[in-house]
Each structure stands twice: as C-alpha cells, then as structure tokens.
Protein backbone atom coordinates (compact mmCIF):
# COMPACT_ATOMS: atom_id res chain seq x y z
CA MET A 1 109.49 134.35 83.68
CA GLY A 2 107.22 136.91 85.25
CA ASN A 3 103.91 137.47 83.55
CA ARG A 4 104.93 135.90 80.27
CA ARG A 5 102.79 133.02 79.14
CA TRP A 6 105.10 130.31 77.85
CA ASP A 7 102.32 128.49 76.08
CA ARG A 8 101.98 131.44 73.66
CA TYR A 9 105.33 130.53 72.18
CA GLY A 10 106.19 127.46 70.21
CA PRO A 11 108.78 124.92 71.31
CA SER A 12 112.39 126.01 71.05
CA THR A 13 113.21 124.75 67.58
CA TYR A 14 116.12 127.15 67.01
CA ARG A 15 118.77 124.91 68.51
CA PRO A 16 122.00 126.94 68.11
CA THR A 17 121.04 129.40 70.85
CA PRO A 18 124.04 130.26 73.01
CA ILE A 19 124.47 128.48 76.30
CA GLN A 20 124.37 131.04 79.08
CA PHE A 21 127.31 131.53 81.41
CA TYR A 22 126.46 130.86 85.06
CA ARG A 23 128.47 132.92 87.54
CA PRO A 24 129.16 131.24 90.88
CA ILE A 25 127.31 133.06 93.65
CA THR A 26 129.47 131.64 96.43
CA GLU A 27 133.02 130.40 96.28
CA ASP A 28 134.37 127.42 98.20
CA PRO A 29 137.84 128.20 99.59
CA TYR A 30 138.82 124.59 99.01
CA HIS A 31 138.10 124.86 95.28
CA SER A 32 139.53 128.29 94.46
CA ASN A 33 140.70 129.30 91.03
CA PHE A 34 144.03 130.61 92.33
CA ILE A 35 146.98 129.91 90.02
CA PRO A 36 150.43 130.44 91.59
CA TYR A 37 152.66 132.96 89.86
CA HIS A 38 156.37 132.19 89.58
CA PRO A 39 158.40 135.23 88.35
CA ILE A 40 161.37 134.66 86.03
CA PRO A 41 164.50 136.79 85.55
CA TYR A 42 164.17 139.76 83.19
CA GLN A 43 166.94 138.62 80.79
CA GLN A 44 165.37 135.15 80.55
CA ALA A 45 162.03 136.72 79.71
CA ILE A 46 163.62 138.83 76.94
CA ALA A 47 165.39 135.79 75.49
CA GLU A 48 162.20 133.75 75.48
CA GLU A 49 160.34 136.63 73.83
CA ASN A 50 162.94 136.85 71.06
CA ASP A 51 162.82 133.11 70.47
CA ALA A 52 159.07 133.28 70.25
CA ASP A 53 159.27 136.08 67.67
CA ASP A 54 161.70 134.08 65.53
CA SER A 55 159.46 131.04 65.45
CA GLU A 56 156.18 132.94 65.21
CA SER A 57 155.62 132.04 61.58
CA SER A 58 155.97 128.32 62.15
CA ASN A 59 154.30 128.05 65.55
CA SER A 60 151.61 130.69 65.24
CA VAL A 61 148.91 128.08 65.76
CA SER A 62 148.85 126.59 69.24
CA PHE A 63 148.74 122.88 69.84
CA ILE A 64 145.13 122.87 71.00
CA SER A 65 144.07 124.69 67.85
CA ASN A 66 145.33 121.71 65.82
CA ILE A 67 143.11 119.26 67.65
CA PRO A 68 140.40 117.87 65.32
CA ASN A 69 136.86 118.93 66.11
CA ASP A 70 135.71 115.43 67.09
CA MET A 71 138.59 115.11 69.56
CA LEU A 72 137.87 118.57 71.00
CA VAL A 73 134.24 117.59 71.54
CA LYS A 74 135.42 114.40 73.25
CA ILE A 75 137.74 116.33 75.59
CA LEU A 76 135.13 118.91 76.53
CA SER A 77 132.58 116.18 77.18
CA TYR A 78 134.65 115.04 80.17
CA LEU A 79 134.36 118.41 81.90
CA PRO A 80 131.83 118.99 84.65
CA VAL A 81 128.78 120.79 83.32
CA ALA A 82 129.60 124.14 84.95
CA SER A 83 133.15 124.01 83.51
CA ALA A 84 131.86 123.04 80.05
CA VAL A 85 129.49 126.01 80.08
CA ARG A 86 132.38 128.31 80.98
CA ALA A 87 134.53 126.77 78.23
CA SER A 88 131.83 127.56 75.68
CA VAL A 89 132.57 131.31 76.01
CA VAL A 90 136.33 130.96 75.30
CA CYS A 91 135.94 131.23 71.54
CA LYS A 92 133.52 130.47 68.75
CA ARG A 93 135.05 127.05 68.03
CA TRP A 94 134.77 125.94 71.64
CA HIS A 95 131.22 127.23 71.82
CA GLU A 96 130.29 125.19 68.77
CA ALA A 97 132.04 122.13 70.22
CA VAL A 98 130.14 122.31 73.49
CA ARG A 99 126.89 122.98 71.68
CA SER A 100 127.60 120.10 69.28
CA PHE A 101 128.07 117.75 72.21
CA SER A 102 124.85 118.96 73.83
CA LEU A 103 122.88 118.47 70.62
CA GLN A 104 124.33 115.21 69.32
CA GLY A 105 124.68 113.50 72.66
CA SER A 106 127.01 110.58 73.24
CA THR A 107 126.26 106.93 72.73
CA GLU A 108 129.15 105.95 74.97
CA ASP A 109 128.11 108.37 77.73
CA PRO A 110 131.75 109.29 78.48
CA SER A 111 131.05 112.25 80.74
CA PRO A 112 131.93 111.73 84.42
CA SER A 113 129.11 111.11 86.83
CA GLN A 114 127.54 114.42 87.84
CA LYS A 115 126.09 114.82 91.30
CA PRO A 116 122.55 116.16 91.11
CA TRP A 117 122.07 119.89 91.56
CA TYR A 118 119.33 121.30 93.74
CA PHE A 119 117.27 124.20 92.40
CA MET A 120 115.89 126.33 95.24
CA PHE A 121 113.42 129.09 94.50
CA THR A 122 110.92 131.44 96.09
CA CYS A 123 107.99 133.19 94.47
CA GLY A 124 107.96 136.98 94.47
CA ASN A 125 105.26 139.36 93.35
CA LYS A 126 106.11 139.12 89.67
CA LEU A 127 108.70 136.41 89.07
CA VAL A 128 110.35 133.31 90.46
CA THR A 129 113.87 133.75 91.83
CA GLY A 130 116.06 130.71 92.11
CA PHE A 131 119.58 129.34 92.42
CA ALA A 132 121.07 125.92 91.68
CA TYR A 133 123.36 124.26 94.21
CA ASP A 134 126.29 122.14 92.99
CA ALA A 135 127.15 119.65 95.76
CA SER A 136 130.41 118.65 94.07
CA TYR A 137 131.94 122.13 94.38
CA ARG A 138 129.65 123.50 97.13
CA LYS A 139 128.65 126.46 94.97
CA TRP A 140 125.40 128.22 94.13
CA TYR A 141 124.75 129.32 90.55
CA GLY A 142 122.23 131.87 89.38
CA LEU A 143 119.84 129.97 87.13
CA GLU A 144 116.87 131.27 85.18
CA PHE A 145 114.75 128.17 84.91
CA PRO A 146 112.76 127.78 81.67
CA CYS A 147 108.97 127.99 81.83
CA ILE A 148 108.54 128.63 85.57
CA GLU A 149 106.19 131.50 86.31
CA LYS A 150 104.54 132.77 89.45
CA GLY A 151 102.28 130.20 91.07
CA MET A 152 102.35 126.62 92.31
CA TRP A 153 104.29 124.06 90.28
CA SER A 154 104.87 120.34 90.46
CA PHE A 155 108.22 118.92 89.31
CA SER A 156 109.69 115.59 88.28
CA SER A 157 113.22 115.08 86.97
CA SER A 158 115.19 112.22 85.47
CA ASN A 159 118.63 111.99 83.82
CA GLY A 160 118.97 115.65 82.89
CA LEU A 161 115.36 116.48 81.96
CA VAL A 162 112.80 118.19 84.16
CA CYS A 163 109.03 118.03 83.74
CA LEU A 164 106.99 120.90 85.17
CA MET A 165 103.25 121.08 85.76
CA ASP A 166 101.44 124.35 86.42
CA ILE A 167 98.94 123.48 89.12
CA GLU A 168 97.19 126.87 89.22
CA ASN A 169 96.72 127.45 85.49
CA GLY A 170 95.06 124.47 83.87
CA TYR A 171 97.75 121.92 84.71
CA ARG A 172 99.96 122.91 81.79
CA ILE A 173 102.92 120.55 81.37
CA PHE A 174 106.40 121.41 80.04
CA LEU A 175 109.55 119.36 79.49
CA CYS A 176 112.93 121.10 79.55
CA ASN A 177 116.67 120.78 79.94
CA PRO A 178 117.54 123.52 82.45
CA ILE A 179 121.17 123.70 81.28
CA THR A 180 120.64 124.10 77.53
CA LYS A 181 117.28 125.93 78.01
CA ASP A 182 115.60 123.71 75.40
CA TRP A 183 111.96 123.04 76.21
CA ARG A 184 108.65 121.91 74.80
CA ALA A 185 105.00 121.97 75.87
CA PHE A 186 102.62 119.02 76.04
CA THR A 187 98.94 118.88 75.30
CA GLN A 188 96.79 118.47 78.38
CA PRO A 189 96.19 114.87 79.49
CA PRO A 190 92.64 113.53 79.27
CA GLY A 191 90.26 113.35 82.19
CA THR A 192 88.94 116.10 84.41
CA THR A 193 90.58 119.49 83.98
CA SER A 194 90.29 120.36 87.68
CA PRO A 195 91.15 117.29 89.78
CA ASP A 196 91.41 117.56 93.55
CA TYR A 197 94.86 115.97 93.42
CA CYS A 198 97.26 115.54 90.52
CA ALA A 199 100.69 113.88 90.49
CA MET A 200 103.31 113.54 87.76
CA ALA A 201 106.32 111.26 87.21
CA LEU A 202 109.06 111.31 84.56
CA ALA A 203 111.57 108.55 83.78
CA VAL A 204 114.30 108.98 81.13
CA ASP A 205 116.38 106.06 79.89
CA ARG A 206 120.04 107.10 80.05
CA LYS A 207 121.10 104.99 77.05
CA THR A 208 118.22 105.34 74.60
CA LYS A 209 117.13 108.84 75.76
CA ASN A 210 113.52 107.62 75.59
CA TYR A 211 111.21 108.71 78.38
CA ASN A 212 108.01 107.74 80.15
CA LEU A 213 105.67 110.42 81.45
CA ALA A 214 102.76 109.54 83.74
CA VAL A 215 100.05 111.73 85.24
CA VAL A 216 97.74 110.47 88.01
CA LYS A 217 94.50 112.34 88.73
CA CYS A 218 92.25 111.88 91.73
CA SER A 219 88.86 113.54 92.20
CA GLN A 220 86.20 113.34 94.88
CA VAL A 221 83.10 111.30 93.99
CA HIS A 222 80.88 112.03 96.98
CA VAL A 223 80.82 114.88 99.46
CA ASP A 224 81.53 112.55 102.38
CA LEU A 225 85.13 112.08 101.16
CA TYR A 226 84.63 108.31 101.17
CA GLU A 227 85.03 107.56 97.45
CA TRP A 228 87.65 108.98 95.10
CA ASP A 229 87.99 108.46 91.36
CA LEU A 230 91.59 107.72 90.36
CA SER A 231 92.86 107.60 86.75
CA ILE A 232 96.31 107.04 85.20
CA HIS A 233 97.35 108.82 81.99
CA LEU A 234 100.50 108.01 80.00
CA TYR A 235 102.15 110.08 77.28
CA GLN A 236 103.23 108.40 74.02
CA PRO A 237 106.26 110.24 72.56
CA ASP A 238 105.97 108.38 69.24
CA THR A 239 102.46 109.65 68.52
CA GLY A 240 102.54 112.80 70.66
CA SER A 241 99.29 111.83 72.35
CA TRP A 242 97.98 110.62 75.71
CA PHE A 243 96.10 107.47 76.56
CA SER A 244 94.42 106.35 79.78
CA PRO A 245 95.11 102.69 80.51
CA TYR A 246 93.60 102.47 83.98
CA SER A 247 90.98 103.95 86.30
CA GLU A 248 89.57 102.87 89.64
CA VAL A 249 87.34 104.16 92.42
CA LEU A 250 89.15 104.19 95.75
CA VAL A 251 86.96 103.46 98.76
CA GLY A 252 88.22 104.85 102.05
CA SER A 253 91.43 106.17 100.52
CA ARG A 254 92.32 109.17 98.42
CA GLY A 255 95.18 110.01 96.13
CA GLY A 256 97.83 112.66 96.60
CA GLU A 257 100.51 114.60 94.74
CA GLU A 258 103.42 112.16 95.06
CA CYS A 259 104.38 109.55 92.48
CA VAL A 260 107.59 108.25 90.91
CA ILE A 261 108.70 105.72 88.31
CA CYS A 262 111.34 103.17 89.33
CA ASP A 263 112.49 100.31 87.12
CA GLY A 264 109.36 100.41 84.96
CA VAL A 265 106.90 100.57 87.88
CA LEU A 266 104.76 103.58 88.81
CA TYR A 267 104.53 104.13 92.58
CA TYR A 268 101.74 106.40 93.83
CA LEU A 269 101.19 107.66 97.38
CA ILE A 270 97.68 107.45 98.84
CA SER A 271 96.26 108.06 102.31
CA THR A 272 93.15 107.11 104.26
CA ALA A 273 90.20 109.46 103.93
CA GLY A 274 86.71 109.49 105.35
CA VAL A 275 86.94 106.15 107.16
CA LEU A 276 84.89 105.93 110.33
CA GLY A 277 87.04 105.11 113.32
CA ALA A 278 90.31 106.19 111.68
CA VAL A 279 92.41 107.95 114.32
CA GLU A 280 94.97 109.47 111.97
CA PRO A 281 95.72 109.69 108.25
CA ARG A 282 97.68 106.63 107.20
CA HIS A 283 99.86 106.71 104.10
CA ALA A 284 100.45 103.84 101.71
CA VAL A 285 101.97 103.22 98.28
CA VAL A 286 100.22 101.50 95.37
CA LEU A 287 101.99 100.01 92.32
CA TYR A 288 101.20 100.04 88.60
CA ASP A 289 103.38 98.11 86.12
CA LEU A 290 104.28 100.18 83.04
CA SER A 291 105.97 97.33 81.14
CA ASN A 292 102.75 96.57 79.24
CA PRO A 293 100.37 99.51 79.77
CA ASN A 294 97.97 98.32 77.05
CA ARG A 295 97.12 95.23 79.09
CA ARG A 296 94.86 95.76 82.08
CA PRO A 297 96.51 94.47 85.27
CA LYS A 298 95.14 91.33 86.89
CA GLU A 299 94.82 92.99 90.30
CA ARG A 300 93.41 96.33 91.36
CA LEU A 301 95.61 99.09 92.70
CA VAL A 302 94.21 98.64 96.20
CA ASP A 303 95.44 95.04 96.11
CA THR A 304 99.04 96.25 95.65
CA ILE A 305 99.06 98.49 98.73
CA VAL A 306 102.27 98.72 100.76
CA GLN A 307 101.70 100.47 104.08
CA VAL A 308 104.30 102.94 105.37
CA PRO A 309 106.36 101.71 108.36
CA CYS A 310 105.02 104.28 110.86
CA ALA A 311 102.74 107.28 111.20
CA LEU A 312 104.05 110.05 108.91
CA THR A 313 103.09 113.70 108.67
CA CYS A 314 104.05 113.61 104.98
CA ALA A 315 106.08 111.42 102.63
CA ARG A 316 108.25 112.17 99.58
CA LEU A 317 108.99 109.47 97.01
CA MET A 318 112.13 109.42 94.87
CA ASN A 319 114.11 107.19 92.51
CA LEU A 320 117.67 106.50 93.65
CA ARG A 321 119.39 104.25 91.10
CA GLU A 322 116.08 102.55 90.20
CA LYS A 323 115.22 101.91 93.84
CA LEU A 324 112.20 103.44 95.54
CA VAL A 325 113.23 105.60 98.50
CA MET A 326 110.86 107.44 100.81
CA VAL A 327 111.65 110.41 103.06
CA GLY A 328 108.99 110.94 105.70
CA GLY A 329 108.22 113.18 108.64
CA ILE A 330 107.77 110.99 111.73
CA GLY A 331 104.80 112.13 113.80
CA LYS A 332 104.59 112.21 117.57
CA VAL A 333 102.67 109.39 119.24
CA ASP A 334 100.25 111.66 121.08
CA ARG A 335 100.15 114.31 118.30
CA PRO A 336 100.49 112.56 114.92
CA GLY A 337 100.28 115.85 113.01
CA VAL A 338 103.42 117.23 114.69
CA VAL A 339 106.73 116.10 113.22
CA LYS A 340 109.41 114.96 115.67
CA GLY A 341 112.01 113.71 113.21
CA ILE A 342 112.85 112.70 109.64
CA GLY A 343 113.33 109.12 108.47
CA ILE A 344 114.55 107.56 105.22
CA TRP A 345 113.39 104.14 104.00
CA GLU A 346 113.98 101.95 100.95
CA LEU A 347 111.36 99.55 99.56
CA CYS A 348 112.69 95.99 99.27
CA LYS A 349 110.19 93.40 98.01
CA LYS A 350 107.18 95.26 99.42
CA GLU A 351 108.85 95.79 102.79
CA TRP A 352 110.34 99.05 104.00
CA LYS A 353 113.95 98.94 105.15
CA GLU A 354 115.12 101.87 107.26
CA VAL A 355 118.16 103.58 105.74
CA ALA A 356 118.76 106.42 108.20
CA ARG A 357 117.18 108.89 110.59
CA MET A 358 118.15 112.51 110.74
CA PRO A 359 120.14 113.28 113.91
CA HIS A 360 118.11 115.40 116.32
CA LYS A 361 120.78 118.11 116.36
CA LEU A 362 120.47 118.54 112.59
CA PHE A 363 116.69 118.45 112.83
CA GLN A 364 116.83 121.33 115.31
CA GLY A 365 119.12 123.20 112.92
CA PHE A 366 116.14 123.94 110.67
CA GLY A 367 114.51 125.94 113.45
CA GLU A 368 110.74 125.59 113.22
CA PHE A 369 110.04 122.53 111.04
CA ASP A 370 106.47 122.13 109.74
CA GLU A 371 104.78 118.80 109.18
CA LEU A 372 105.15 119.38 105.41
CA PHE A 373 108.56 119.84 103.83
CA ALA A 374 110.39 119.49 100.50
CA SER A 375 112.67 116.56 99.75
CA ASN A 376 114.05 115.24 96.50
CA GLY A 377 116.92 113.01 95.49
CA SER A 378 118.85 111.39 92.66
CA GLY A 379 121.89 109.17 92.39
CA ASP A 380 123.29 108.90 95.92
CA LEU A 381 122.14 112.26 97.27
CA ILE A 382 118.95 113.24 99.09
CA TYR A 383 118.12 116.93 99.65
CA ILE A 384 115.84 118.00 102.51
CA GLN A 385 114.48 121.52 102.92
CA SER A 386 111.92 123.24 105.12
CA TYR A 387 109.34 125.34 103.29
CA GLY A 388 109.90 128.17 105.76
CA SER A 389 113.69 128.41 105.48
CA PRO A 390 116.39 128.43 102.76
CA ALA A 391 118.54 126.03 104.82
CA LEU A 392 119.39 122.89 102.85
CA LEU A 393 120.53 119.54 104.28
CA ILE A 394 122.11 116.76 102.20
CA PHE A 395 122.30 113.05 102.95
CA ASP A 396 124.75 110.85 101.03
CA VAL A 397 123.16 107.40 100.90
CA SER A 398 126.32 105.57 99.86
CA GLN A 399 128.50 107.10 102.60
CA LYS A 400 125.77 107.56 105.25
CA ILE A 401 126.89 111.15 105.78
CA TRP A 402 124.73 114.18 106.65
CA LYS A 403 126.03 117.58 105.55
CA TRP A 404 124.66 121.11 105.38
CA ALA A 405 124.87 122.87 102.04
CA SER A 406 126.72 126.17 101.92
CA LYS A 407 124.58 129.20 102.73
CA SER A 408 121.92 129.90 100.14
CA PRO A 409 121.87 133.30 98.36
CA LEU A 410 118.13 133.41 99.07
CA ASN A 411 117.14 135.31 102.19
CA LYS A 412 113.89 135.28 104.11
CA LYS A 413 112.38 138.75 103.77
CA PHE A 414 108.98 138.27 105.46
CA PRO A 415 107.58 135.69 107.93
CA LEU A 416 105.26 133.83 105.54
CA GLN A 417 107.76 133.57 102.68
CA ILE A 418 107.81 130.09 101.16
CA PHE A 419 110.90 128.33 99.81
CA SER A 420 110.79 125.19 97.73
CA GLY A 421 113.00 123.20 95.40
CA PHE A 422 113.86 120.00 93.60
CA CYS A 423 116.99 118.31 92.31
CA PHE A 424 118.02 117.48 88.76
CA GLU A 425 121.07 116.01 87.09
CA PRO A 426 122.93 118.65 85.03
CA ARG A 427 123.51 117.21 81.56
CA LEU A 428 124.29 118.86 78.23
CA GLU A 429 123.66 115.97 75.89
CA ILE A 430 120.02 115.25 76.73
CA GLY A 431 117.52 116.87 74.39
CA VAL A 432 113.80 117.32 74.65
C-alpha cells in the first residue's frame, strides 16, 4: 500500500501468516449477533456449579476439543468465509485448522456457495482505501487489498483469485487471493511495453485449480487511427513463461480494455476507429479459441465479429457461470455519447439476448451518471457503480431482482473524486 513497491519483494512463500480479522463496518439488523439471555434461579445455578466442580476432572475437556483435526477442518470449511476468518482467532488450534483448509484446499469442494463480494475503492494522495461488500449479509468489511498502490489498475477475477495489472507503471501483473493475502508477481508479457490499450482476463478451473491468463495489447500503427496492431499473449503456469500465439492488424477498428474468458474462449471488445463516414463509435466482440492456442486459427479475429445489439456508450464483459454477459450504457438516439439507460445482454450462439434493463427510477438514483461506469459480476450477481458516486446497485440474474447495496463507508470528499471497484469470490482454499 502507499508508496511501497511490491515488486521489490519476493512472492509470499511464508505460508503460515495469520489470516487477518475483518471487522464489519455496517451491521444488518436482520442478521444481528444478539443471543437471548434466559436467567435461572440462584439455587439452581449453585447446584449446577457444584455438579460441575465434582465432575471437573473427568469432563475438563469439552466435546469440541475431542473432535479430530480432520473433522474440525471439515466443519469449519462449511462456514461462510467471513465466519471462518473470525473462527480462526478463537484459539491456536482453530487458527491452524482454518489455515490448513486454506492451504490444502478441498477436492470435494464442500464449502457452501459464496456470493461474490464487491471491492470498492478510491485513490487518495498516498494510498488506496477500500471496503468489500458481502451481499449475503449486506455488510461492508474493511479490506487491505494486496499489491494495490496509487494509480490506475486493471482487474480480472475468477473463483477466488484476482489478477491485477498496474497500467501506469510498466503494466506490472500480480495474482493474489485477497482473503489469505497470498500473492505472486508475473514477468512482463512480450510485445510493446507501452501499448495504447491493454486488456487482461483470468480464468480459474474450480476443480483442478489450474488457471488461464491472457493479455491483449493494441497499439496504433499509423497516425490516422485507421490501423491498429493487436496481439494476444498467454501465460504458461507450467513453465512460468509467456508466449504469443496470435497477432493481427485491425483495419478500421481498434482494441480496448475489456476482455474475458468464458468456457475456454477469449472474448475481446473492439470498436470502430478512423472510418470515414462513421457516425458514432460502434462496439463489437471478437472471439479467440484457447482450447488449442499452439494452432493458428483458421479464421481471422475480424471474421468472428459479433456486433453489439444497439449503440452503447461503453460495455463491460463478464463471465456468469461460463456464459458471456455484457452490461452496456445505452446511448440516446440524437446524442449517442449520452447514456439514457443501462442494459444487460447474454450472448447465445453469436446473438445477443436481452436479459434486463435497469428501471429508470433506479437509474436516476445514481444522480449524474456518466457515459463510462464500472460493472462486474460473478455467479448470479451483477454489480453496477458510477465512477462519481459510492452508490452500488446489484442485479440478481437468477431472480431478476434489482437491489441497492447498503450504504458504503466511503464518502465523496471532493467533486472530482473517483470511485471504482470489481467483484471477486471469497475463497480460502484457492492458492496462488
């Protein structure tokens, strides 16, 4: 955090570091920790105390202390992540049990499904301040995110891991588990060190814990903005190195900073650029199959283009249960650069199917909504946030329900203050 340079330190190889305790910032009255107290008569209390003293020698060890370690680990693995972190501070044995589960993982994946958390942050003069929102309990937790420093960052998360790319300082890339604080740094991908646009996508297999990491770079070829050089770079965890399986010169289109991996396919957002007669920027998605990256695809990326369903001010791509979902700002007909609403679409066989549109009353609840905004999702939840406000709106895809998050601890202190965020699945058993 702050002015520290994380790349001066080696990866976190000392694994038994204690898991920090996260104190809830806000409490939900419907999930209080109140335990009712039922008083008992004084004489009954004395009798029970005497009986306890008589049997102290035989029952000095409580029942839970007799539970074998493997069973204790199994029990704690069923707790929600926030509860498991709290349990780790009960005693040394429980701490080791929680840490053992987080290090060894679970082949059966017994832990209950965790709704994704949303990490909201704002950049100050010296450090990044942020809080994580738990949609299950409607609580905010203070969270010191590993590796994030002051500046602009790009994020991609999948199944408990988060990949971060430092856009302002040489495109440094880190991989971390924000719950256990374990992290590692990657070597820089090949290609130009200062691309005009750079996007990153991470995909972690829940069963095998293997991951795919892709970086897409796009740089201007000519000053007329008509041709752009696009290259795809993939990381190989087995060898710890990068390789570049594909490159192409885009004519009339340029790349962007949005990409995602869904079901073994890399989706990358592009838009028109420098085309004579083009009235407005038009977004589209191109596809690259990652199933056999060593084999050059039979068709070019431009041949896989899927146009967006309408004029959008911006678009955010996300993986919801291995399906590509897009959240876009719908532009006005007469003023395409001004957003009039928010739409959600799902890609089905190269055709966009509308999932929902944000009700106008909720859209107005953000106040002034710019044409660019933050949106990220995982599982069944989609988070939407304006860059100029800490207000956070949630859409449940499975239930088709819109809901505001509880009030964020972050406050707007000056007019040009920027808020941003991304979601991640809180998991203890995923390592880097």
